[in-house]
Protein backbone atom coordinates (compact mmCIF):
# COMPACT_ATOMS: atom_id res chain seq x y z
CA MET A 1 132.95 63.69 108.86
CA SER A 2 136.92 64.14 109.00
CA HIS A 3 136.66 67.41 107.00
CA THR A 4 134.74 70.38 106.13
CA THR A 5 134.28 72.09 102.91
CA THR A 6 134.20 75.99 101.11
CA ASP A 7 131.52 77.51 99.90
CA GLU A 8 133.04 77.63 96.92
CA PRO A 9 131.82 74.49 94.23
CA ALA A 10 134.64 72.71 93.26
CA ARG A 11 136.57 72.34 90.37
CA ARG A 12 137.57 69.30 88.45
CA ALA A 13 141.70 69.03 88.16
CA SER A 14 142.10 69.84 84.25
CA GLY A 15 144.58 67.62 82.53
CA ALA A 16 147.53 70.47 82.89
CA THR A 17 147.01 70.70 86.84
CA VAL A 18 149.65 67.84 87.16
CA PRO A 19 152.21 69.10 84.94
CA VAL A 20 151.92 72.72 86.82
CA LEU A 21 152.07 71.33 90.15
CA ALA A 22 155.23 69.10 89.21
CA PHE A 23 156.95 72.15 87.84
CA ALA A 24 156.01 73.89 91.03
CA GLY A 25 158.29 71.52 92.64
CA ILE A 26 160.95 71.48 90.57
CA VAL A 27 160.87 75.06 91.18
CA VAL A 28 161.36 74.76 94.21
CA ALA A 29 164.38 72.20 94.37
CA VAL A 30 166.23 74.55 92.48
CA MET A 31 167.04 76.19 95.01
CA GLN A 32 168.83 73.37 97.08
CA THR A 33 171.14 72.86 93.95
CA LEU A 34 171.09 76.38 92.82
CA LEU A 35 174.27 77.68 94.79
CA VAL A 36 176.61 74.19 94.34
CA PRO A 37 178.37 75.35 91.60
CA VAL A 38 180.12 78.07 93.16
CA ILE A 39 179.94 77.23 96.58
CA LYS A 40 184.08 77.09 96.99
CA ASP A 41 184.08 80.29 95.86
CA LEU A 42 181.44 82.20 98.52
CA PRO A 43 183.86 83.65 101.00
CA ARG A 44 185.79 85.88 97.71
CA LEU A 45 182.16 86.67 95.92
CA LEU A 46 180.43 87.89 99.77
CA ASP A 47 184.01 88.94 101.37
CA THR A 48 183.36 87.28 103.85
CA SER A 49 185.11 83.81 105.87
CA PRO A 50 184.61 80.21 104.94
CA SER A 51 183.12 79.96 108.28
CA ASN A 52 180.52 82.50 107.61
CA ALA A 53 179.78 81.81 103.76
CA THR A 54 178.26 78.31 104.71
CA TRP A 55 175.37 80.11 106.42
CA VAL A 56 174.13 80.99 103.06
CA LEU A 57 173.59 77.71 102.69
CA THR A 58 172.60 76.89 106.18
CA SER A 59 169.68 79.36 106.84
CA THR A 60 168.03 77.63 103.27
CA LEU A 61 167.82 74.11 104.76
CA LEU A 62 167.08 75.36 108.39
CA SER A 63 164.00 77.70 106.82
CA GLY A 64 162.89 74.49 104.43
CA ALA A 65 162.25 72.10 107.49
CA VAL A 66 160.36 74.80 109.65
CA ALA A 67 158.15 76.07 106.75
CA THR A 68 157.31 72.89 105.86
CA PRO A 69 155.36 71.15 108.10
CA ILE A 70 153.92 74.44 108.87
CA MET A 71 153.29 75.63 105.17
CA GLY A 72 151.36 72.29 105.04
CA ARG A 73 148.73 72.43 108.48
CA LEU A 74 147.81 76.15 106.80
CA GLY A 75 147.04 74.22 103.89
CA ASP A 76 145.04 72.06 105.75
CA LEU A 77 143.42 74.87 107.08
CA PHE A 78 142.78 77.55 104.80
CA GLY A 79 143.41 76.46 101.92
CA LYS A 80 146.43 74.31 99.83
CA ARG A 81 146.38 76.35 96.33
CA ARG A 82 146.47 79.88 98.78
CA MET A 83 149.87 78.58 100.39
CA LEU A 84 151.34 77.04 97.51
CA ILE A 85 151.40 81.07 96.08
CA ALA A 86 152.06 82.41 99.33
CA SER A 87 155.18 80.08 100.01
CA LEU A 88 156.36 80.48 95.73
CA SER A 89 155.80 84.32 96.33
CA VAL A 90 157.96 84.34 99.63
CA MET A 91 160.89 82.59 97.10
CA VAL A 92 160.30 84.99 94.59
CA ALA A 93 161.39 87.93 96.93
CA GLY A 94 164.46 86.42 98.73
CA ALA A 95 165.63 85.52 95.24
CA LEU A 96 164.95 89.61 94.51
CA LEU A 97 166.91 90.68 97.48
CA SER A 98 169.53 87.62 96.66
CA ALA A 99 170.12 88.93 93.34
CA LEU A 100 171.10 92.29 94.21
CA THR A 101 173.79 91.86 96.79
CA ASP A 102 177.45 91.02 97.45
CA ALA A 103 177.01 91.50 101.64
CA LEU A 104 176.62 88.42 103.52
CA VAL A 105 173.57 89.43 105.99
CA PRO A 106 170.91 90.74 102.48
CA MET A 107 172.09 87.36 101.00
CA ILE A 108 171.52 85.44 104.07
CA VAL A 109 168.26 86.92 104.71
CA GLY A 110 167.40 86.16 101.37
CA ARG A 111 168.81 82.62 101.41
CA THR A 112 166.27 81.99 104.15
CA LEU A 113 163.41 82.99 102.40
CA GLN A 114 163.98 81.05 99.47
CA GLY A 115 163.99 78.18 102.08
CA VAL A 116 159.93 78.83 103.10
CA ALA A 117 159.09 77.52 99.47
CA MET A 118 159.64 73.35 100.16
CA GLY A 119 156.33 74.11 101.83
CA ALA A 120 155.22 73.28 97.71
CA ILE A 121 155.94 69.99 97.70
CA PRO A 122 152.94 68.36 100.62
CA LEU A 123 151.14 71.60 99.47
CA GLY A 124 151.07 69.32 96.02
CA ILE A 125 150.66 66.37 96.90
CA GLY A 126 147.80 67.06 98.78
CA LEU A 127 146.15 69.41 96.00
CA MET A 128 146.55 66.17 93.59
CA ARG A 129 145.18 64.18 96.53
CA ASP A 130 141.83 66.23 96.92
CA MET A 131 140.96 66.68 93.37
CA LEU A 132 142.89 64.04 91.08
CA PRO A 133 140.36 60.57 90.60
CA ARG A 134 142.03 57.64 90.90
CA GLU A 135 143.42 56.20 87.93
CA ARG A 136 145.82 59.20 87.77
CA LEU A 137 146.78 59.90 91.45
CA ALA A 138 149.66 57.60 91.74
CA SER A 139 151.36 58.57 88.83
CA ALA A 140 150.49 61.76 90.20
CA MET A 141 152.17 61.85 93.54
CA ALA A 142 154.77 59.93 92.05
CA LEU A 143 156.14 62.74 89.79
CA MET A 144 155.77 65.21 92.68
CA SER A 145 156.97 63.60 95.34
CA SER A 146 160.59 62.94 92.97
CA SER A 147 160.32 66.72 91.68
CA ILE A 148 163.07 67.44 94.55
CA GLY A 149 165.22 64.70 92.93
CA VAL A 150 164.53 66.27 89.10
CA GLY A 151 165.38 69.32 90.15
CA GLY A 152 167.93 69.42 91.90
CA GLY A 153 169.49 66.69 89.55
CA LEU A 154 168.41 68.91 86.48
CA ALA A 155 169.51 72.83 88.23
CA LEU A 156 172.77 71.30 88.84
CA PRO A 157 174.03 71.35 85.14
CA ALA A 158 172.02 74.79 83.92
CA ALA A 159 173.60 76.22 87.07
CA ALA A 160 177.47 75.29 86.07
CA LEU A 161 177.09 76.65 82.72
CA VAL A 162 175.29 80.03 83.92
CA ALA A 163 178.13 80.08 86.25
CA GLN A 164 180.54 79.23 84.27
CA HIS A 165 179.80 81.81 81.71
CA THR A 166 178.05 84.83 83.40
CA ASP A 167 177.55 86.47 86.89
CA TRP A 168 176.93 84.21 89.73
CA HIS A 169 173.87 86.62 90.29
CA ALA A 170 172.10 85.74 86.99
CA LEU A 171 171.88 82.23 89.00
CA TYR A 172 169.29 84.96 91.18
CA TYR A 173 167.49 86.38 89.13
CA GLY A 174 166.87 83.06 87.06
CA ALA A 175 165.28 81.63 89.58
CA ALA A 176 162.98 84.16 90.41
CA GLY A 177 161.75 84.53 87.33
CA LEU A 178 161.38 80.70 87.18
CA GLY A 179 158.70 80.95 90.44
CA VAL A 180 156.73 83.81 88.37
CA VAL A 181 155.82 81.43 86.05
CA SER A 182 155.14 79.03 88.15
CA ILE A 183 152.75 81.84 90.21
CA ALA A 184 151.35 81.89 87.08
CA LEU A 185 150.11 78.67 85.76
CA THR A 186 149.23 78.01 89.26
CA LEU A 187 146.66 80.32 89.41
CA LEU A 188 145.56 79.96 85.85
CA VAL A 189 145.24 75.88 85.95
CA VAL A 190 145.20 74.77 89.22
CA PRO A 191 141.74 74.96 91.48
CA GLU A 192 141.48 75.66 95.07
CA SER A 193 141.25 72.30 97.51
CA PRO A 194 137.40 72.24 99.08
CA LEU A 195 138.44 70.28 101.70
CA ARG A 196 139.58 72.32 104.96
CA ALA A 197 140.69 70.60 108.01
CA LYS A 198 138.72 71.66 111.41
CA GLY A 199 140.52 73.35 113.98
CA SER A 200 142.62 76.44 114.22
CA PHE A 201 146.30 76.63 113.88
CA ASP A 202 148.49 75.65 116.92
CA LEU A 203 150.72 79.06 117.13
CA PRO A 204 152.80 77.73 120.03
CA GLY A 205 153.14 74.64 118.67
CA ALA A 206 154.50 76.14 115.51
CA VAL A 207 156.75 77.64 118.05
CA GLY A 208 158.20 74.79 120.05
CA LEU A 209 158.68 72.50 116.28
CA SER A 210 160.30 75.33 115.34
CA ALA A 211 162.54 76.43 117.77
CA GLY A 212 163.65 71.70 117.86
CA LEU A 213 164.36 71.81 114.70
CA ILE A 214 166.76 74.68 114.29
CA LEU A 215 168.46 73.45 117.85
CA PHE A 216 168.85 69.72 116.19
CA LEU A 217 169.82 70.92 112.36
CA LEU A 218 172.27 74.10 113.54
CA PRO A 219 175.07 72.03 115.13
CA ILE A 220 173.77 69.41 112.42
CA SER A 221 174.85 71.08 109.32
CA LYS A 222 177.63 73.11 111.79
CA GLY A 223 179.23 70.08 113.66
CA SER A 224 182.66 70.09 111.56
CA ASP A 225 183.34 73.59 111.73
CA TRP A 226 182.04 73.81 115.53
CA GLY A 227 183.78 70.53 116.14
CA TRP A 228 181.47 67.89 117.11
CA SER A 229 182.64 66.95 120.74
CA SER A 230 182.24 71.35 121.36
CA PRO A 231 180.18 72.06 124.56
CA THR A 232 178.22 74.35 121.39
CA THR A 233 177.52 71.35 119.51
CA LEU A 234 176.39 68.75 122.40
CA GLY A 235 174.80 71.45 124.15
CA LEU A 236 172.32 72.78 121.42
CA LEU A 237 172.02 68.53 120.98
CA ALA A 238 170.79 68.21 124.20
CA ALA A 239 168.66 71.44 124.27
CA ALA A 240 166.86 70.24 120.65
CA VAL A 241 165.79 66.95 122.66
CA VAL A 242 164.17 68.60 125.89
CA VAL A 243 162.94 71.61 123.52
CA LEU A 244 160.72 68.23 120.72
CA LEU A 245 160.13 66.15 124.39
CA LEU A 246 158.40 69.07 125.41
CA TRP A 247 156.84 70.27 122.51
CA GLY A 248 155.22 66.15 121.87
CA LEU A 249 153.59 66.85 125.10
CA MET A 250 152.21 69.86 124.79
CA GLU A 251 151.07 68.70 121.07
CA LEU A 252 149.49 65.99 122.74
CA ARG A 253 147.05 68.37 125.41
CA VAL A 254 145.86 70.87 122.03
CA ALA A 255 142.38 69.57 120.46
CA ALA A 256 143.86 70.91 116.90
CA PRO A 257 147.93 69.92 117.32
CA LEU A 258 150.19 71.72 114.19
CA VAL A 259 151.33 67.75 114.15
CA ASP A 260 148.65 64.33 115.26
CA LEU A 261 151.46 62.18 117.12
CA ARG A 262 149.15 59.85 117.64
CA THR A 263 148.97 59.26 114.12
CA THR A 264 152.52 59.73 113.71
CA ALA A 265 152.91 56.76 116.04
CA ARG A 266 151.07 54.30 113.91
CA ARG A 267 153.50 52.14 112.55
CA GLU A 268 152.37 52.61 109.31
CA VAL A 269 153.10 56.60 109.22
CA LEU A 270 156.00 55.89 111.69
CA LEU A 271 158.03 53.50 109.37
CA THR A 272 157.36 55.24 106.21
CA ASN A 273 158.70 59.00 107.99
CA LEU A 274 162.07 56.68 109.23
CA ALA A 275 162.48 55.14 106.44
CA SER A 276 162.06 58.40 104.66
CA ILE A 277 165.12 59.78 106.63
CA MET A 278 167.18 56.68 105.50
CA VAL A 279 165.93 57.28 101.39
CA GLY A 280 167.22 61.12 102.85
CA VAL A 281 170.58 60.55 103.06
CA SER A 282 171.86 57.80 99.92
CA PHE A 283 170.28 60.62 97.90
CA PHE A 284 172.34 63.16 98.97
CA VAL A 285 175.54 60.95 98.78
CA ILE A 286 175.73 60.48 94.98
CA SER A 287 175.21 64.22 94.96
CA LEU A 288 178.00 64.89 97.19
CA VAL A 289 180.88 62.46 96.07
CA LEU A 290 180.59 62.09 91.93
CA PRO A 291 180.55 66.22 91.11
CA GLN A 292 183.95 66.04 93.06
CA LEU A 293 184.93 63.52 91.64
CA LEU A 294 184.65 64.01 88.29
CA GLN A 295 186.44 67.35 88.67
CA LEU A 296 189.32 66.25 90.33
CA PRO A 297 192.20 66.75 87.91
CA SER A 298 193.29 63.51 86.90
CA GLU A 299 196.86 64.04 87.93
CA THR A 300 195.35 62.63 91.23
CA GLY A 301 195.57 59.46 89.79
CA TYR A 302 192.10 58.99 90.36
CA GLY A 303 190.03 62.42 89.74
CA LEU A 304 188.17 62.67 85.85
CA GLY A 305 189.42 65.69 84.89
CA GLN A 306 186.28 67.07 83.46
CA SER A 307 184.87 70.55 83.73
CA MET A 308 182.03 72.06 85.73
CA VAL A 309 179.13 71.93 82.78
CA VAL A 310 180.54 68.25 82.09
CA ALA A 311 180.05 67.16 85.46
CA GLY A 312 176.55 68.43 85.89
CA LEU A 313 175.86 67.08 82.62
CA CYS A 314 176.77 63.69 84.29
CA VAL A 315 175.09 64.08 87.48
CA ALA A 316 172.12 64.80 85.41
CA PRO A 317 170.25 61.78 84.98
CA LEU A 318 169.80 60.99 88.30
CA GLY A 319 166.56 63.61 88.36
CA LEU A 320 165.92 62.51 84.74
CA THR A 321 165.52 59.30 85.47
CA MET A 322 163.97 59.85 88.85
CA MET A 323 161.07 62.06 86.31
CA PHE A 324 160.89 58.73 84.23
CA THR A 325 160.12 55.96 86.81
CA ALA A 326 156.97 57.81 87.56
CA PRO A 327 154.33 55.77 85.19
CA VAL A 328 156.44 52.69 85.92
CA TYR A 329 155.96 53.68 90.30
CA ALA A 330 152.44 53.51 88.71
CA ARG A 331 152.20 50.09 87.48
CA LEU A 332 153.96 49.01 90.01
CA SER A 333 152.36 50.04 92.53
CA ALA A 334 148.72 49.13 91.15
CA ARG A 335 150.19 45.82 90.61
CA TYR A 336 152.06 44.58 94.24
CA GLY A 337 150.91 47.73 96.14
CA PRO A 338 153.52 50.73 97.17
CA ARG A 339 154.97 48.74 100.29
CA THR A 340 156.57 46.94 97.53
CA THR A 341 157.73 48.87 95.49
CA LEU A 342 158.97 51.08 98.19
CA ILE A 343 160.94 47.73 98.63
CA ILE A 344 162.30 47.40 95.18
CA GLY A 345 163.65 51.38 94.96
CA LEU A 346 165.85 50.41 98.33
CA VAL A 347 166.95 47.23 96.86
CA ILE A 348 167.87 49.22 93.57
CA ILE A 349 169.45 52.04 95.46
CA GLY A 350 171.18 49.33 97.27
CA VAL A 351 172.76 48.03 93.94
CA GLY A 352 173.60 51.27 92.60
CA TYR A 353 175.58 51.65 95.54
CA THR A 354 177.62 48.83 96.07
CA GLY A 355 178.14 48.79 92.16
CA GLY A 356 179.13 51.79 92.60
CA LEU A 357 182.32 50.95 94.69
CA GLY A 358 183.95 49.57 90.95
CA LEU A 359 182.66 52.16 88.90
CA MET A 360 185.25 55.52 89.30
CA SER A 361 186.86 55.02 86.59
CA ALA A 362 185.41 57.01 83.87
CA ALA A 363 182.92 59.30 83.18
CA TRP A 364 180.72 57.23 81.82
CA GLN A 365 180.57 55.13 84.74
CA THR A 366 179.68 57.75 86.72
CA VAL A 367 176.18 58.70 84.37
CA LEU A 368 175.85 55.02 84.87
CA THR A 369 175.73 54.71 88.90
CA SER A 370 173.46 58.34 88.25
CA VAL A 371 170.71 56.65 86.17
CA LEU A 372 170.94 53.25 88.27
CA ILE A 373 170.04 55.05 91.09
CA GLY A 374 168.13 57.69 89.98
CA ALA A 375 165.30 55.07 89.31
CA GLY A 376 165.82 53.65 92.76
CA ILE A 377 165.38 57.09 94.54
CA GLY A 378 162.74 57.67 91.82
CA LEU A 379 160.46 54.13 93.16
CA ALA A 380 160.93 54.90 96.34
CA TYR A 381 160.99 58.73 96.59
CA SER A 382 157.45 58.06 95.20
CA SER A 383 155.73 55.22 96.96
CA LEU A 384 156.66 58.03 100.46
CA PRO A 385 153.32 60.12 99.81
CA ALA A 386 150.95 57.01 98.74
CA LEU A 387 151.81 55.25 101.72
CA ILE A 388 151.53 58.58 104.38
CA ILE A 389 147.91 59.12 102.61
CA GLY A 390 146.46 55.48 102.79
CA ALA A 391 146.90 55.88 106.70
CA VAL A 392 145.98 59.43 107.49
CA PRO A 393 142.67 61.01 107.02
CA ALA A 394 141.69 63.32 104.12
CA SER A 395 141.69 66.53 106.60
CA GLU A 396 145.83 65.60 107.54
CA THR A 397 147.07 65.44 104.22
CA GLY A 398 148.61 68.32 103.99
CA ALA A 399 150.06 68.62 107.53
CA ALA A 400 151.44 64.43 107.34
CA ASN A 401 153.29 64.47 103.72
CA GLY A 402 154.98 67.71 105.22
CA LEU A 403 156.17 66.49 108.09
CA ASN A 404 157.12 63.46 105.61
CA THR A 405 159.20 66.01 103.45
CA LEU A 406 160.78 66.90 106.89
CA MET A 407 161.68 63.37 107.24
CA ARG A 408 163.11 63.72 104.01
CA SER A 409 165.28 66.83 104.39
CA ILE A 410 166.44 65.34 108.05
CA GLY A 411 167.83 62.98 106.14
CA THR A 412 169.89 64.93 103.45
CA SER A 413 171.09 67.39 106.81
CA VAL A 414 172.50 64.25 108.26
CA SER A 415 173.80 63.13 104.99
CA SER A 416 175.43 66.39 103.84
CA ALA A 417 177.37 66.48 107.63
CA VAL A 418 178.67 62.72 107.85
CA ILE A 419 179.71 62.42 104.63
CA GLY A 420 181.02 66.29 104.88
CA MET A 421 182.96 65.04 107.61
CA VAL A 422 183.90 61.59 106.08
CA LEU A 423 185.46 63.22 103.14
CA ALA A 424 187.76 66.00 105.64
CA ASN A 425 189.10 63.63 107.68
CA THR A 426 190.19 60.82 104.37
CA ALA A 427 191.25 64.27 102.63
CA ASN A 428 194.76 64.39 101.62
CA ASP A 429 197.04 68.04 102.71
CA ALA A 430 198.26 69.63 99.13
CA GLY A 431 200.56 72.43 100.26
CA GLY A 432 197.54 73.78 102.12
CA VAL A 433 194.69 72.09 100.17
CA ALA A 434 192.57 69.38 101.71
CA VAL A 435 191.91 66.64 98.54
CA PRO A 436 189.22 64.19 98.02
CA THR A 437 190.63 60.74 98.34
CA LEU A 438 189.13 57.57 96.74
CA HIS A 439 189.31 56.14 100.02
CA GLY A 440 186.70 58.57 101.66
CA PHE A 441 184.81 58.49 98.02
CA ARG A 442 184.07 54.52 98.56
CA ILE A 443 183.37 54.98 102.34
CA SER A 444 180.68 57.46 101.28
CA PHE A 445 179.05 55.08 99.21
CA LEU A 446 179.48 52.49 101.78
CA ILE A 447 177.15 54.74 104.60
CA ALA A 448 174.94 55.64 101.45
CA ALA A 449 174.65 51.92 101.15
CA GLY A 450 174.19 50.65 105.17
CA ALA A 451 171.14 53.93 104.95
CA VAL A 452 169.53 51.36 102.50
CA ALA A 453 169.85 48.66 104.05
CA VAL A 454 167.95 50.08 107.51
CA GLY A 455 165.56 51.70 105.17
CA LEU A 456 164.67 48.18 104.05
CA VAL A 457 164.60 46.34 107.60
CA LEU A 458 161.92 49.53 108.06
CA ALA A 459 160.01 48.78 104.44
CA PHE A 460 159.56 45.38 105.27
CA PHE A 461 157.38 45.38 108.70
CA LEU A 462 155.60 48.00 107.18
CA PRO A 463 151.93 46.48 107.46
CA SER A 464 151.06 44.56 103.85
CA ARG A 465 147.57 45.70 102.01
CA ARG A 466 146.07 44.05 98.64
CA PRO A 467 146.61 46.79 96.05
CA SER A 468 142.75 47.08 95.13
CA THR A 469 142.26 48.14 98.92
CA VAL A 470 145.13 51.07 99.02
CA SER A 471 144.12 52.37 95.99
CA GLN A 472 140.14 52.46 96.78
CA LEU A 473 141.39 54.42 100.10
CA ARG A 474 143.66 57.14 97.86
CA ALA A 475 140.47 57.59 95.79
CA SER A 476 139.87 61.32 94.33
CA SER A 477 138.57 63.10 97.74
CA GLU A 478 136.42 65.27 95.17
CA GLU A 479 133.30 63.07 96.25
CA ASP A 480 134.03 63.72 100.08
CA ALA A 481 133.22 67.45 99.06
CA ASN A 482 130.08 66.61 97.03
CA LEU A 483 128.52 64.39 99.95
CA ALA A 484 129.81 67.24 102.87
CA ARG A 485 127.76 70.03 100.33
CA ALA A 486 124.91 67.44 100.26
CA GLU A 487 124.60 66.50 103.59
CA GLN A 488 124.62 70.40 104.00
CA ALA A 489 121.73 70.71 102.16
CA LEU A 490 119.93 67.92 103.58
CA ALA A 491 120.46 69.81 106.81
CA GLY A 492 119.31 72.92 105.56
CA ALA A 493 115.66 70.65 104.93
CA GLY A 494 115.44 69.99 107.44
CA GLN A 495 115.84 66.40 106.61
CA PRO A 496 118.36 64.16 108.16
CA PRO A 497 121.22 62.86 106.08
CA HIS A 498 120.66 58.54 105.28
CA GLY A 499 123.37 56.78 105.35
CA PHE A 500 125.64 53.72 106.66
CA ARG A 501 125.58 53.62 110.39
CA GLY A 502 126.82 50.75 112.85
CA ARG A 503 130.16 49.30 114.57
CA VAL A 504 133.77 48.30 114.03
CA LEU A 505 134.51 45.53 116.60
CA ALA A 506 137.14 43.10 116.72
CA ALA A 507 137.42 39.23 117.11
CA ASP A 508 136.28 39.41 119.76
CA GLY A 509 133.26 41.70 120.00
CA ALA A 510 135.56 44.91 121.64
CA PRO A 511 134.62 48.04 119.72
CA VAL A 512 137.63 49.29 117.59
CA PRO A 513 137.88 53.17 117.60
CA ARG A 514 139.52 54.87 115.73
CA ALA A 515 139.22 53.00 112.55
CA LYS A 516 138.80 54.31 109.73
CA VAL A 517 135.75 53.30 107.74
CA THR A 518 135.75 54.37 103.86
CA LEU A 519 132.73 54.19 101.25
CA ILE A 520 133.33 53.04 97.49
CA ASP A 521 130.38 53.89 94.97
CA ARG A 522 129.56 50.86 92.35
CA HIS A 523 132.44 52.91 90.55
CA GLY A 524 135.56 52.36 92.88
CA ARG A 525 135.21 55.75 93.93
CA GLN A 526 135.33 57.24 97.50
CA ALA A 527 132.04 57.95 98.05
CA GLY A 528 133.04 59.28 101.90
CA ALA A 529 134.78 58.98 105.21
CA THR A 530 134.97 59.22 108.60
CA LEU A 531 136.46 57.73 111.84
CA SER A 532 134.73 55.26 114.57
CA ALA A 533 134.59 56.85 117.58
CA GLY A 534 135.68 55.61 120.82
CA ASP A 535 132.87 53.26 121.11
CA GLY A 536 133.66 52.40 117.33
CA SER A 537 130.29 53.43 116.39
CA TYR A 538 130.53 55.79 112.67
CA ALA A 539 127.89 57.44 110.45
CA LEU A 540 128.53 57.22 106.99
CA ALA A 541 125.86 59.59 104.88
CA VAL A 542 125.49 58.56 100.96
CA PRO A 543 124.30 61.33 97.89
CA ALA A 544 121.52 58.18 96.64
CA GLY A 545 120.33 54.55 97.20
CA GLY A 546 122.63 51.68 95.53
CA PRO A 547 125.32 49.42 95.84
CA TYR A 548 128.15 50.52 98.09
CA VAL A 549 131.94 48.90 100.03
CA LEU A 550 132.51 49.45 103.62
CA ALA A 551 135.86 49.82 103.78
CA ALA A 552 137.57 49.60 107.55
CA ARG A 553 141.11 49.43 108.62
CA ALA A 554 142.95 50.13 112.07
CA ALA A 555 146.86 49.16 113.40
CA GLY A 556 146.73 45.95 114.53
CA HIS A 557 143.47 44.92 112.41
CA ALA A 558 143.34 43.05 109.00
CA PRO A 559 141.23 45.32 106.47
CA LEU A 560 137.90 44.57 105.27
CA ALA A 561 135.55 45.01 102.69
CA HIS A 562 132.20 44.56 103.09
CA ALA A 563 129.63 45.03 100.43
CA ALA A 564 125.92 47.08 101.08
CA THR A 565 122.61 47.73 99.02
CA HIS A 566 121.41 51.37 101.09
CA GLY A 567 117.60 51.05 101.38
CA GLY A 568 117.17 52.97 104.69
CA ASP A 569 118.94 53.96 107.68
CA ARG A 570 120.54 50.67 109.28
CA PRO A 571 122.78 49.87 111.19
CA VAL A 572 125.33 47.62 109.76
CA ASP A 573 128.66 45.94 111.62
CA LEU A 574 131.58 45.99 110.30
CA ASP A 575 134.15 42.80 112.58
CA LEU A 576 137.47 43.41 112.15
CA SER A 577 137.76 39.29 113.04
CA LEU A 578 137.44 38.41 109.41
CA PRO A 579 139.71 39.69 107.33
CA GLY A 580 139.73 40.63 103.44
CA GLU A 581 136.86 38.88 103.47
CA THR A 582 133.50 39.88 101.61
CA VAL A 583 130.05 40.06 103.31
CA PRO A 584 126.84 39.99 101.33
CA ALA A 585 124.36 42.67 102.42
């Protein structure tokens, strides 16, 4: 089997589990936009230079990028709920530290600690994958995946209101309070997952990935200050390439790597992660452009002259629409599959940005743009975890979604750097003050539309699966845990476990290694899963006799659903030369 379990019996997820996990995701997302209303005032508030003040934002970005895949892997190994609480606790400590200081260095340390909480997103998705029944999983993952945008969109007007009417440190006290509430609710409502990955934590891999990410994201974030052609920027980017290549070679030689690069290289996983970068790019553009357009004085001829709070309210529908698309996504995905839903989302984003080129002359037009783009991003973000989970073993869910969340973060980082450079280079100088231009805003929207076009091309090359097969493979893993405990009990009683065994074969009769074989019971619930060995052999225990479906799939082969009734330990070969056909037992 591809997983192990704890000694504790699995607790069923209650109806409050999904809202509590989504709330944790929203709280984490608040950290990303908390300081947006006071960005321009940070040098004065911290008594430092503008270049030094940007480290307050950069530190959170870097720590979040590093923590996301690491916390996902730790969750797979030691418990996703445990690591979720740990990441939220570190965030609360960082928020309190930032609330109690006006000095630059302690502020940077506090913001670095706050970034660790970004690991909560993949951990929450992993908990849902492990505990929820199939009929609730799609909409729950959609809500959790969209929580980044929901929290960011809702935090803007709230943070602007606080910053405008009270001391700016109240932002951090409020964030710490939300973190404490989230921890308490998680302890009370969310059960721990019984699934554990095999192996140990890959510390050298974590260090190598952290170094590579920092070397890559640091010049991306600071390139505008240092100069894109400066020796520092180019040197760090070159070092990042070298370190990440060496890290990749090392990970391929490790028995239990931090990131399974062989799994990551599968077409579905690789293309989904690349598409995630494009979605991240498009998501952040609207967050950078519309608040500036709304707050620019009307005397410029194109600025809309709105207050900080009104600007936040106009952008807030971006997050609200993402929240309300979760149930819509569940229906679309159940009927057409997550690949098609991703394509629909990207098309809507593209329409939003191209239409937005002509909708910049009134506040209500920015609201319309926010709603349209929010709907598209909500569908796109919701599709990503379903595509990842359908392509990786259950024991790697946390790490795989952590990597996918990292890809989105890389997209937003690249977007921030590129759009910042575009707006700076197209700005007008007014008495020593750089004023963004309407031309710069429109170029930014075109860049977002270009990123969406690239994402669409990637999405079209994703393998297409029938929705029924996809939904079966995303079934709850609670049965996996029960089955594993049944196997252990049989082994302890001296009885060999019974089930199905055989080989997975290709069209020419050759064995297919590393094919995923999933056991589905009469109720459509997943009852077990495993990977075929190098000779194509597999073995799956069953908890009881009766009819089952053996679903097999492998990269480069069409999936197969094979109906079989268990009446003893007998071989059942799965021939992938019969795509989509149901073979009678």
